[in-house]
C-alpha atoms as a PDB file:
ATOM      1  CA  MET A   1     293.574-161.095-117.817  1.00  0.00           C
ATOM      2  CA  LYS A   2     293.105-158.917-114.815  1.00  0.00           C
ATOM      3  CA  ARG A   3     289.744-157.381-116.384  1.00  0.00           C
ATOM      4  CA  PHE A   4     288.735-160.990-116.682  1.00  0.00           C
ATOM      5  CA  LEU A   5     289.022-161.791-113.211  1.00  0.00           C
ATOM      6  CA  VAL A   6     287.513-159.051-111.934  1.00  0.00           C
ATOM      7  CA  CYS A   7     284.411-159.495-114.212  1.00  0.00           C
ATOM      8  CA  PHE A   8     284.727-163.054-113.196  1.00  0.00           C
ATOM      9  CA  TYR A   9     284.427-162.225-109.549  1.00  0.00           C
ATOM     10  CA  SER A  10     281.486-159.616-109.808  1.00  0.00           C
ATOM     11  CA  PHE A  11     279.629-162.389-111.818  1.00  0.00           C
ATOM     12  CA  VAL A  12     280.018-165.107-108.985  1.00  0.00           C
ATOM     13  CA  PHE A  13     279.609-162.758-106.319  1.00  0.00           C
ATOM     14  CA  MET A  14     276.334-161.235-107.526  1.00  0.00           C
ATOM     15  CA  SER A  15     274.843-164.483-107.782  1.00  0.00           C
ATOM     16  CA  CYS A  16     274.914-164.582-103.973  1.00  0.00           C
ATOM     17  CA  MET A  17     272.234-161.970-103.966  1.00  0.00           C
ATOM     18  CA  PHE A  18     268.595-163.059-102.722  1.00  0.00           C
ATOM     19  CA  ILE A  19     265.565-160.625-102.493  1.00  0.00           C
ATOM     20  CA  THR A  20     263.483-160.447 -99.706  1.00  0.00           C
ATOM     21  CA  SER A  21     260.618-157.976 -98.806  1.00  0.00           C
ATOM     22  CA  ALA A  22     261.574-157.414 -95.261  1.00  0.00           C
ATOM     23  CA  PHE A  23     264.558-158.202 -93.077  1.00  0.00           C
ATOM     24  CA  SER A  24     263.518-159.583 -89.729  1.00  0.00           C
ATOM     25  CA  ILE A  25     266.119-161.711 -88.067  1.00  0.00           C
ATOM     26  CA  THR A  26     265.277-162.597 -84.572  1.00  0.00           C
ATOM     27  CA  LEU A  27     268.431-162.193 -82.225  1.00  0.00           C
ATOM     28  CA  SER A  28     268.491-165.434 -80.500  1.00  0.00           C
ATOM     29  CA  ASP A  29     270.968-168.267 -79.505  1.00  0.00           C
ATOM     30  CA  THR A  30     271.026-171.716 -78.099  1.00  0.00           C
ATOM     31  CA  VAL A  31     273.330-173.086 -75.317  1.00  0.00           C
ATOM     32  CA  PHE A  32     273.423-176.373 -73.521  1.00  0.00           C
ATOM     33  CA  VAL A  33     273.328-176.622 -69.911  1.00  0.00           C
ATOM     34  CA  ASN A  34     273.994-179.539 -67.465  1.00  0.00           C
ATOM     35  CA  GLN A  35     273.444-178.085 -63.862  1.00  0.00           C
ATOM     36  CA  THR A  36     273.744-180.090 -60.552  1.00  0.00           C
ATOM     37  CA  SER A  37     272.247-178.752 -57.444  1.00  0.00           C
ATOM     38  CA  GLU A  38     270.490-179.919 -54.297  1.00  0.00           C
ATOM     39  CA  THR A  39     267.149-180.616 -56.034  1.00  0.00           C
ATOM     40  CA  ALA A  40     266.351-181.125 -59.917  1.00  0.00           C
ATOM     41  CA  SER A  41     264.079-177.750 -59.487  1.00  0.00           C
ATOM     42  CA  THR A  42     267.010-175.766 -57.898  1.00  0.00           C
ATOM     43  CA  ALA A  43     269.612-177.144 -60.755  1.00  0.00           C
ATOM     44  CA  LYS A  44     266.630-176.308 -63.456  1.00  0.00           C
ATOM     45  CA  ASN A  45     266.763-172.559 -61.839  1.00  0.00           C
ATOM     46  CA  ILE A  46     270.094-172.152 -61.927  1.00  0.00           C
ATOM     47  CA  ALA A  47     270.545-173.406 -65.298  1.00  0.00           C
ATOM     48  CA  MET A  48     268.223-171.054 -67.019  1.00  0.00           C
ATOM     49  CA  ASN A  49     269.712-168.217 -65.145  1.00  0.00           C
ATOM     50  CA  ASN A  50     273.063-169.221 -66.761  1.00  0.00           C
ATOM     51  CA  ALA A  51     271.878-169.635 -70.030  1.00  0.00           C
ATOM     52  CA  ARG A  52     269.909-166.410 -70.117  1.00  0.00           C
ATOM     53  CA  ARG A  53     273.286-164.576 -69.310  1.00  0.00           C
ATOM     54  CA  GLN A  54     275.287-166.533 -71.474  1.00  0.00           C
ATOM     55  CA  ILE A  55     273.049-166.078 -74.611  1.00  0.00           C
ATOM     56  CA  LEU A  56     272.729-162.418 -73.914  1.00  0.00           C
ATOM     57  CA  PHE A  57     276.515-162.195 -74.016  1.00  0.00           C
ATOM     58  CA  ASN A  58     276.629-164.652 -76.901  1.00  0.00           C
ATOM     59  CA  VAL A  59     274.416-162.161 -78.835  1.00  0.00           C
ATOM     60  CA  LEU A  60     274.723-158.559 -77.727  1.00  0.00           C
ATOM     61  CA  SER A  61     278.676-158.873 -77.664  1.00  0.00           C
ATOM     62  CA  GLN A  62     278.362-158.720 -81.698  1.00  0.00           C
ATOM     63  CA  TYR A  63     276.761-155.315 -81.196  1.00  0.00           C
ATOM     64  CA  THR A  64     278.702-153.695 -78.406  1.00  0.00           C
ATOM     65  CA  ASP A  65     282.046-153.819 -76.534  1.00  0.00           C
ATOM     66  CA  LYS A  66     282.465-157.254 -75.181  1.00  0.00           C
ATOM     67  CA  ASP A  67     284.099-155.998 -72.046  1.00  0.00           C
ATOM     68  CA  GLU A  68     281.508-153.881 -71.364  1.00  0.00           C
ATOM     69  CA  ILE A  69     278.450-155.922 -71.916  1.00  0.00           C
ATOM     70  CA  SER A  70     280.469-158.683 -69.942  1.00  0.00           C
ATOM     71  CA  GLU A  71     280.462-156.368 -67.036  1.00  0.00           C
ATOM     72  CA  LEU A  72     276.919-155.167 -67.097  1.00  0.00           C
ATOM     73  CA  ILE A  73     275.629-158.619 -67.350  1.00  0.00           C
ATOM     74  CA  LYS A  74     277.524-159.841 -64.339  1.00  0.00           C
ATOM     75  CA  LYS A  75     276.181-156.773 -62.224  1.00  0.00           C
ATOM     76  CA  SER A  76     272.486-157.144 -63.592  1.00  0.00           C
ATOM     77  CA  SER A  77     269.763-159.224 -61.633  1.00  0.00           C
ATOM     78  CA  ASN A  78     268.161-162.181 -62.931  1.00  0.00           C
ATOM     79  CA  GLU A  79     264.949-160.316 -62.841  1.00  0.00           C
ATOM     80  CA  GLU A  80     266.360-157.502 -65.260  1.00  0.00           C
ATOM     81  CA  LEU A  81     267.854-159.741 -67.525  1.00  0.00           C
ATOM     82  CA  MET A  82     264.578-161.570 -67.845  1.00  0.00           C
ATOM     83  CA  ASN A  83     263.014-158.357 -69.086  1.00  0.00           C
ATOM     84  CA  ILE A  84     265.268-158.571 -72.198  1.00  0.00           C
ATOM     85  CA  ILE A  85     264.140-162.024 -73.316  1.00  0.00           C
ATOM     86  CA  LEU A  86     261.025-162.289 -75.737  1.00  0.00           C
ATOM     87  CA  SER A  87     260.727-166.185 -75.607  1.00  0.00           C
ATOM     88  CA  THR A  88     262.416-169.205 -74.322  1.00  0.00           C
ATOM     89  CA  SER A  89     262.260-173.023 -75.722  1.00  0.00           C
ATOM     90  CA  VAL A  90     263.641-176.085 -74.456  1.00  0.00           C
ATOM     91  CA  ALA A  91     264.730-179.069 -76.262  1.00  0.00           C
ATOM     92  CA  ASN A  92     266.490-182.680 -75.222  1.00  0.00           C
ATOM     93  CA  GLU A  93     265.587-181.853 -71.337  1.00  0.00           C
ATOM     94  CA  GLN A  94     266.806-184.527 -68.836  1.00  0.00           C
ATOM     95  CA  ILE A  95     266.037-184.498 -65.248  1.00  0.00           C
ATOM     96  CA  SER A  96     267.277-186.500 -62.146  1.00  0.00           C
ATOM     97  CA  SER A  97     266.937-186.058 -58.663  1.00  0.00           C
ATOM     98  CA  ASP A  98     269.735-183.312 -58.413  1.00  0.00           C
ATOM     99  CA  THR A  99     270.507-182.696 -62.004  1.00  0.00           C
ATOM    100  CA  TYR A 100     269.089-180.676 -64.966  1.00  0.00           C
ATOM    101  CA  SER A 101     270.340-180.465 -68.835  1.00  0.00           C
ATOM    102  CA  ALA A 102     268.845-179.207 -71.789  1.00  0.00           C
ATOM    103  CA  ASN A 103     269.297-177.148 -75.071  1.00  0.00           C
ATOM    104  CA  ILE A 104     267.886-173.753 -73.952  1.00  0.00           C
ATOM    105  CA  THR A 105     267.283-171.368 -76.796  1.00  0.00           C
ATOM    106  CA  MET A 106     266.067-167.988 -76.000  1.00  0.00           C
ATOM    107  CA  ASP A 107     265.118-165.162 -78.373  1.00  0.00           C
ATOM    108  CA  ILE A 108     265.948-161.669 -77.191  1.00  0.00           C
ATOM    109  CA  ASP A 109     263.560-158.250 -77.316  1.00  0.00           C
ATOM    110  CA  ASN A 110     265.620-155.991 -79.487  1.00  0.00           C
ATOM    111  CA  GLU A 111     264.007-152.966 -78.331  1.00  0.00           C
ATOM    112  CA  ALA A 112     264.365-153.857 -74.786  1.00  0.00           C
ATOM    113  CA  ALA A 113     268.116-154.549 -75.320  1.00  0.00           C
ATOM    114  CA  LYS A 114     268.353-151.124 -77.076  1.00  0.00           C
ATOM    115  CA  ARG A 115     267.076-149.622 -74.058  1.00  0.00           C
ATOM    116  CA  TRP A 116     268.767-151.476 -71.167  1.00  0.00           C
ATOM    117  CA  LEU A 117     272.359-150.721 -72.986  1.00  0.00           C
ATOM    118  CA  GLY A 118     271.388-147.001 -73.706  1.00  0.00           C
ATOM    119  CA  ALA A 119     270.120-146.720 -70.070  1.00  0.00           C
ATOM    120  CA  ASN A 120     273.455-147.968 -68.930  1.00  0.00           C
ATOM    121  CA  ASN A 121     275.290-145.831 -71.130  1.00  0.00           C
ATOM    122  CA  ILE A 122     276.945-148.563 -73.428  1.00  0.00           C
ATOM    123  CA  ARG A 123     277.317-147.786 -77.203  1.00  0.00           C
ATOM    124  CA  GLN A 124     275.494-150.322 -78.892  1.00  0.00           C
ATOM    125  CA  TRP A 125     274.294-150.678 -82.666  1.00  0.00           C
ATOM    126  CA  VAL A 126     271.491-153.324 -81.924  1.00  0.00           C
ATOM    127  CA  PRO A 127     269.034-153.347 -85.062  1.00  0.00           C
ATOM    128  CA  ALA A 128     265.278-152.904 -84.823  1.00  0.00           C
ATOM    129  CA  LEU A 129     263.261-156.073 -85.304  1.00  0.00           C
ATOM    130  CA  GLU A 130     262.810-155.199 -88.722  1.00  0.00           C
ATOM    131  CA  SER A 131     265.056-152.630 -90.600  1.00  0.00           C
ATOM    132  CA  VAL A 132     266.657-151.432 -93.614  1.00  0.00           C
ATOM    133  CA  GLU A 133     269.843-150.406 -92.145  1.00  0.00           C
ATOM    134  CA  THR A 134     273.019-151.728 -93.491  1.00  0.00           C
ATOM    135  CA  PHE A 135     276.465-152.417 -92.655  1.00  0.00           C
ATOM    136  CA  THR A 136     279.833-152.574 -94.676  1.00  0.00           C
ATOM    137  CA  ALA A 137     282.064-155.543 -95.020  1.00  0.00           C
ATOM    138  CA  SER A 138     285.221-155.461 -96.889  1.00  0.00           C
ATOM    139  CA  ILE A 139     285.864-159.268 -97.500  1.00  0.00           C
ATOM    140  CA  VAL A 140     289.276-160.712 -98.963  1.00  0.00           C
ATOM    141  CA  VAL A 141     288.817-163.684-100.947  1.00  0.00           C
ATOM    142  CA  LEU A 142     292.574-165.141-101.422  1.00  0.00           C
ATOM    143  CA  ASN A 143     291.081-168.623-102.500  1.00  0.00           C
ATOM    144  CA  GLY A 144     288.798-167.084-105.182  1.00  0.00           C
ATOM    145  CA  ILE A 145     285.806-169.440-106.087  1.00  0.00           C
ATOM    146  CA  VAL A 146     286.631-171.613-103.074  1.00  0.00           C
ATOM    147  CA  ASP A 147     285.744-168.564-100.594  1.00  0.00           C
ATOM    148  CA  LEU A 148     282.752-167.157-102.737  1.00  0.00           C
ATOM    149  CA  ALA A 149     280.876-170.344-102.686  1.00  0.00           C
ATOM    150  CA  GLU A 150     281.403-170.657 -98.900  1.00  0.00           C
ATOM    151  CA  LEU A 151     279.991-167.178 -98.759  1.00  0.00           C
ATOM    152  CA  LYS A 152     277.421-167.760-101.206  1.00  0.00           C
ATOM    153  CA  ARG A 153     275.911-170.614 -99.516  1.00  0.00           C
ATOM    154  CA  ILE A 154     275.785-168.774 -95.923  1.00  0.00           C
ATOM    155  CA  THR A 155     273.649-166.023 -97.717  1.00  0.00           C
ATOM    156  CA  ARG A 156     271.641-168.241 -99.615  1.00  0.00           C
ATOM    157  CA  ASP A 157     270.802-170.349 -96.535  1.00  0.00           C
ATOM    158  CA  ASN A 158     269.853-166.958 -94.793  1.00  0.00           C
ATOM    159  CA  ASN A 159     267.902-165.551 -97.831  1.00  0.00           C
ATOM    160  CA  VAL A 160     269.979-162.375 -97.674  1.00  0.00           C
ATOM    161  CA  ILE A 161     270.591-159.426 -99.986  1.00  0.00           C
ATOM    162  CA  ILE A 162     274.013-158.544-100.724  1.00  0.00           C
ATOM    163  CA  ASP A 163     274.734-155.284-102.277  1.00  0.00           C
ATOM    164  CA  VAL A 164     278.276-155.477-103.872  1.00  0.00           C
ATOM    165  CA  GLN A 165     279.941-151.775-103.454  1.00  0.00           C
ATOM    166  CA  SER A 166     282.975-152.329-105.289  1.00  0.00           C
ATOM    167  CA  ILE A 167     285.455-155.320-106.213  1.00  0.00           C
ATOM    168  CA  THR A 168     289.232-154.466-106.431  1.00  0.00           C
ATOM    169  CA  GLY A 169     291.560-157.311-107.108  1.00  0.00           C
ATOM    170  CA  ASN A 170     290.780-159.894-104.301  1.00  0.00           C
ATOM    171  CA  GLN A 171     288.900-157.518-101.906  1.00  0.00           C
ATOM    172  CA  ILE A 172     285.219-157.137-102.081  1.00  0.00           C
ATOM    173  CA  VAL A 173     283.441-154.546-100.699  1.00  0.00           C
ATOM    174  CA  VAL A 174     279.756-155.138 -99.866  1.00  0.00           C
ATOM    175  CA  LYS A 175     276.507-154.092 -97.591  1.00  0.00           C
ATOM    176  CA  MET A 176     274.283-155.961 -95.862  1.00  0.00           C
ATOM    177  CA  PRO A 177     271.201-155.879 -93.603  1.00  0.00           C
ATOM    178  CA  LEU A 178     272.564-154.565 -90.231  1.00  0.00           C
ATOM    179  CA  ASN A 179     270.379-157.253 -88.358  1.00  0.00           C
ATOM    180  CA  TYR A 180     271.943-159.957 -90.163  1.00  0.00           C
ATOM    181  CA  ARG A 181     275.678-158.741 -88.907  1.00  0.00           C
ATOM    182  CA  SER A 182     275.340-161.070 -85.651  1.00  0.00           C
ATOM    183  CA  ARG A 183     274.298-164.309 -87.694  1.00  0.00           C
ATOM    184  CA  PHE A 184     276.895-163.447 -90.453  1.00  0.00           C
ATOM    185  CA  THR A 185     279.871-163.140 -88.201  1.00  0.00           C
ATOM    186  CA  THR A 186     278.696-166.568 -86.396  1.00  0.00           C
ATOM    187  CA  GLU A 187     278.584-168.519 -89.515  1.00  0.00           C
ATOM    188  CA  ILE A 188     281.956-167.324 -91.076  1.00  0.00           C
ATOM    189  CA  HIS A 189     283.670-167.619 -87.819  1.00  0.00           C
ATOM    190  CA  SER A 190     282.494-171.214 -87.404  1.00  0.00           C
ATOM    191  CA  LEU A 191     284.172-172.065 -90.852  1.00  0.00           C
ATOM    192  CA  GLY A 192     287.330-170.654 -90.098  1.00  0.00           C
ATOM    193  CA  TRP A 193     286.986-166.886 -91.169  1.00  0.00           C
ATOM    194  CA  LYS A 194     288.413-163.830 -89.360  1.00  0.00           C
ATOM    195  CA  TYR A 195     287.008-160.638 -88.733  1.00  0.00           C
ATOM    196  CA  THR A 196     287.323-157.232 -87.142  1.00  0.00           C
ATOM    197  CA  ASP A 197     285.460-154.359 -86.692  1.00  0.00           C
ATOM    198  CA  ASN A 198     287.397-151.351 -88.087  1.00  0.00           C
ATOM    199  CA  GLY A 199     285.687-147.756 -87.514  1.00  0.00           C
ATOM    200  CA  GLY A 200     282.100-149.713 -88.242  1.00  0.00           C
ATOM    201  CA  VAL A 201     283.534-151.247 -91.261  1.00  0.00           C
ATOM    202  CA  LEU A 202     283.516-155.153 -91.049  1.00  0.00           C
ATOM    203  CA  GLN A 203     286.945-156.307 -92.078  1.00  0.00           C
ATOM    204  CA  VAL A 204     286.778-160.335 -92.958  1.00  0.00           C
ATOM    205  CA  TRP A 205     289.438-162.371 -94.240  1.00  0.00           C
ATOM    206  CA  LYS A 206     290.645-166.048 -94.213  1.00  0.00           C
END
């Protein structure tokens, strides 16, 4: 029976694998801003600066120490942080005489972020834009096929290769593209999964 369950887990989880020719997940995030100031122009400027800081924290905290990146962002100038942003897009923009609100999306320049963190002596593992580097995740699937179905949907939607390293009982060890790590942790967290980094290995459970 145990052997059958191991084979079953292996079969189901291996079906999560999707082949791509290259991994090129852009580091990006979207935040909602709603800012009031003396004028709409001033409100928009403040909102953009705040959005940039929040997005940089949201994304880069996945690749370095959260306290260190938070402190670095606080002490950095708006001009310095602008140099790390690759592109900005705005949706659902609303402007009144003294208020500005919108959904702000920013793409981060991977290499600029790596240089910035390195120059400030912050240990980081920000991936290159296109990378074959991988990270290891140890995933506990206590609910069997239900948990596996969630993970399958996440990887299918992102067209990601999962390399199964081992299966022991309800624990599966896999490797995934390093530049998928941020999106993976964000998506599993939204579904109620927990995770922590243990010496570079992402521990995942529910």
